[in-house]
Protein backbone atom coordinates (compact mmCIF):
# COMPACT_ATOMS: atom_id res chain seq x y z
CA MET A 1 -17.64 7.18 1.95
CA GLY A 2 -19.97 3.93 0.71
CA PRO A 3 -21.65 1.36 2.04
CA ARG A 4 -21.37 0.76 5.53
CA GLY A 5 -19.05 3.47 5.87
CA GLN A 6 -16.16 1.86 3.81
CA ARG A 7 -13.21 3.89 3.20
CA GLY A 8 -11.52 1.93 0.67
CA TRP A 9 -12.12 1.77 -3.61
CA TRP A 10 -14.16 -0.31 -5.42
CA LEU A 11 -13.72 -1.85 -9.21
CA GLU A 12 -16.20 0.43 -10.51
CA ASP A 13 -13.15 2.88 -9.16
CA ALA A 14 -10.50 1.04 -11.18
CA THR A 15 -10.41 2.40 -14.73
CA PRO A 16 -7.55 1.11 -16.93
CA GLY A 17 -5.11 3.90 -17.57
CA GLY A 18 -6.05 5.64 -15.09
CA VAL A 19 -5.32 6.68 -11.10
CA ILE A 20 -7.27 6.65 -8.08
CA GLU A 21 -5.39 9.04 -5.51
CA HIS A 22 -5.76 7.35 -1.92
CA PRO A 23 -7.00 9.39 0.93
CA GLY A 24 -5.18 10.07 4.19
CA GLY A 25 -0.93 9.38 5.14
CA ARG A 26 0.74 7.88 7.25
CA THR A 27 3.86 9.73 9.30
CA ILE A 28 6.36 6.78 10.44
CA GLY A 29 8.10 7.59 13.88
CA ALA A 30 10.86 7.64 14.94
CA ASP A 31 10.53 5.07 17.10
CA GLU A 32 8.49 2.41 14.71
CA HIS A 33 11.50 1.71 12.08
CA PRO A 34 13.70 -0.15 14.82
CA LEU A 35 11.29 -1.28 16.47
CA PHE A 36 9.99 -3.24 13.31
CA ALA A 37 13.70 -4.30 12.60
CA TRP A 38 14.09 -5.76 15.44
CA LEU A 39 10.92 -7.91 14.97
CA THR A 40 12.11 -8.50 11.92
CA ASP A 41 15.84 -9.62 13.36
CA ASN A 42 17.22 -7.48 10.71
CA ALA A 43 20.26 -6.24 12.62
CA SER A 44 21.66 -3.89 9.57
CA ASP A 45 23.09 -0.87 11.59
CA VAL A 46 21.79 1.26 8.69
CA HIS A 47 17.89 0.51 10.67
CA GLY A 48 18.56 -0.27 14.65
CA ASP A 49 22.12 1.91 15.29
CA ALA A 50 21.91 5.81 15.22
CA HIS A 51 25.33 6.19 16.28
CA ARG A 52 26.73 4.49 13.79
CA ALA A 53 24.40 5.11 11.05
CA ALA A 54 25.27 8.97 11.45
CA ALA A 55 28.62 8.19 10.50
CA GLY A 56 27.99 6.35 7.31
CA PRO A 57 26.47 7.58 3.88
CA PHE A 58 22.75 8.22 4.55
CA GLY A 59 23.44 10.48 7.95
CA GLN A 60 21.34 8.76 10.20
CA THR A 61 18.87 5.59 10.42
CA LEU A 62 16.64 4.40 7.46
CA VAL A 63 13.58 3.33 7.29
CA LEU A 64 13.07 -0.86 6.82
CA GLY A 65 11.58 -0.57 2.99
CA ALA A 66 9.50 -3.64 4.19
CA LEU A 67 7.89 -1.37 6.52
CA THR A 68 7.80 1.47 4.01
CA ALA A 69 6.13 -0.98 1.59
CA ALA A 70 3.62 -2.50 4.23
CA VAL A 71 2.48 1.15 5.09
CA VAL A 72 1.90 1.91 0.83
CA ILE A 73 -0.11 -0.89 0.45
CA GLY A 74 -2.56 -0.39 3.58
CA LEU A 75 -2.59 3.48 2.37
CA ALA A 76 -4.02 1.58 -0.29
CA GLU A 77 -6.31 -1.19 0.36
CA PRO A 78 -9.75 -1.39 -1.13
CA ALA A 79 -13.06 -1.81 0.02
CA VAL A 80 -13.40 -4.40 2.62
CA CYS A 81 -15.50 -7.15 0.88
CA HIS A 82 -18.92 -8.80 1.45
CA PRO A 83 -18.13 -11.38 3.75
CA ARG A 84 -18.92 -14.09 0.86
CA ASP A 85 -16.39 -13.07 -0.95
CA ALA A 86 -13.63 -12.81 1.60
CA ALA A 87 -11.76 -16.12 0.02
CA ARG A 88 -11.52 -14.60 -3.21
CA ALA A 89 -10.56 -11.21 -2.48
CA VAL A 90 -6.57 -12.27 -1.45
CA PRO A 91 -3.86 -10.16 -2.91
CA VAL A 92 -3.40 -12.75 -5.94
CA GLY A 93 0.21 -11.48 -5.55
CA TRP A 94 2.69 -8.97 -5.10
CA ALA A 95 5.01 -9.48 -8.40
CA ARG A 96 7.45 -6.58 -7.89
CA ILE A 97 8.13 -4.53 -4.56
CA ALA A 98 10.93 -1.83 -6.27
CA LEU A 99 12.03 0.64 -3.51
CA THR A 100 12.91 3.79 -5.19
CA ALA A 101 14.09 5.98 -2.59
CA THR A 102 15.24 5.91 0.87
CA VAL A 103 12.65 7.21 3.66
CA VAL A 104 13.70 8.00 6.81
CA ALA A 105 11.54 9.08 10.92
CA GLY A 106 9.47 11.88 10.31
CA ALA A 107 8.41 11.22 6.54
CA THR A 108 4.80 10.74 5.46
CA LEU A 109 3.98 8.31 2.75
CA THR A 110 1.20 8.69 0.64
CA ALA A 111 -0.51 6.30 -1.93
CA ARG A 112 -2.09 6.17 -5.09
CA SER A 113 -3.11 3.06 -7.99
CA LEU A 114 -2.05 3.39 -11.78
CA VAL A 115 -5.04 1.22 -12.88
CA GLU A 116 -3.87 -0.86 -15.67
CA SER A 117 -6.55 -3.22 -15.94
CA ALA A 118 -9.68 -4.07 -14.67
CA THR A 119 -11.32 -7.26 -15.52
CA PRO A 120 -15.02 -8.20 -14.08
CA ASP A 121 -16.24 -11.56 -12.75
CA ALA A 122 -19.38 -13.17 -14.98
CA ASP A 123 -21.64 -12.81 -11.18
CA GLY A 124 -20.84 -9.18 -11.14
CA GLY A 125 -19.46 -8.66 -7.44
CA GLY A 126 -16.05 -8.08 -8.46
CA GLY A 127 -13.60 -8.11 -10.88
CA LEU A 128 -9.47 -8.67 -11.09
CA VAL A 129 -7.28 -5.44 -11.35
CA ASN A 130 -3.90 -5.25 -12.17
CA ARG A 131 -2.47 -1.90 -10.62
CA VAL A 132 1.31 -0.05 -9.44
CA ILE A 133 1.06 0.93 -6.25
CA GLU A 134 2.80 4.01 -5.48
CA GLY A 135 4.09 5.29 -2.69
CA ARG A 136 5.29 9.24 -2.02
CA ASP A 137 6.98 11.36 0.69
CA GLN A 138 6.07 14.74 1.73
CA ASN A 139 8.33 16.05 -1.61
CA GLY A 140 6.39 13.85 -3.85
CA THR A 141 9.25 12.14 -4.47
CA VAL A 142 8.08 7.89 -5.31
CA VAL A 143 9.75 6.04 -2.57
CA VAL A 144 8.24 2.44 -3.59
CA ARG A 145 6.68 1.12 -6.03
CA VAL A 146 4.17 -2.12 -6.14
CA ARG A 147 3.03 -4.29 -8.45
CA GLU A 148 0.29 -5.58 -7.85
CA THR A 149 -3.12 -8.35 -8.90
CA ARG A 150 -5.76 -8.69 -6.56
CA TRP A 151 -9.91 -8.97 -6.88
CA ILE A 152 -11.60 -5.93 -6.06
CA PRO A 153 -15.55 -6.19 -4.61
CA CYS A 154 -18.12 -4.08 -6.87
CA GLU A 155 -20.06 -1.37 -4.66
CA GLU A 156 -22.83 -2.23 -6.18
CA ASP A 157 -23.13 -5.58 -4.80
CA TRP A 158 -22.64 -3.89 -1.05
CA THR A 159 -25.92 -2.18 -2.05
CA THR A 160 -28.47 -5.30 -3.48
CA ASP A 161 -27.15 -8.08 -1.67
CA CYS A 162 -27.08 -6.07 2.18
């Protein structure tokens, strides 16, 4: 835990070529993925019709890929920035989301970041990080990869200004 009880990570943790293992995990419940599919108007039987999905190639319903990606991105969130920097902390973008394996209800997802580059700002308050967020299931299988660029705060900035 850093300043203010933060669970996330800081620019100082982003070493180019390094890996950030994000703490914790998240189990996808049996009722979550059909609800998410319904909320997003995804009518595919593979996500919401257990009877028809059981007769299909996977033998059961699958977790919607958008839910898988959202959970993994959430697990890999950086520390919360100083309020004055909130506008800078919005992700520059997700360049690519690749779903690499199926996820079923009951799977526990974890996340790690493969840091490609980290460029500090001239003002010392943070910097841009390019990374690939890798989500794995409880068996260690990579289920999603998300390429992201975003501004990350410096831990030192919190301790000196607050």
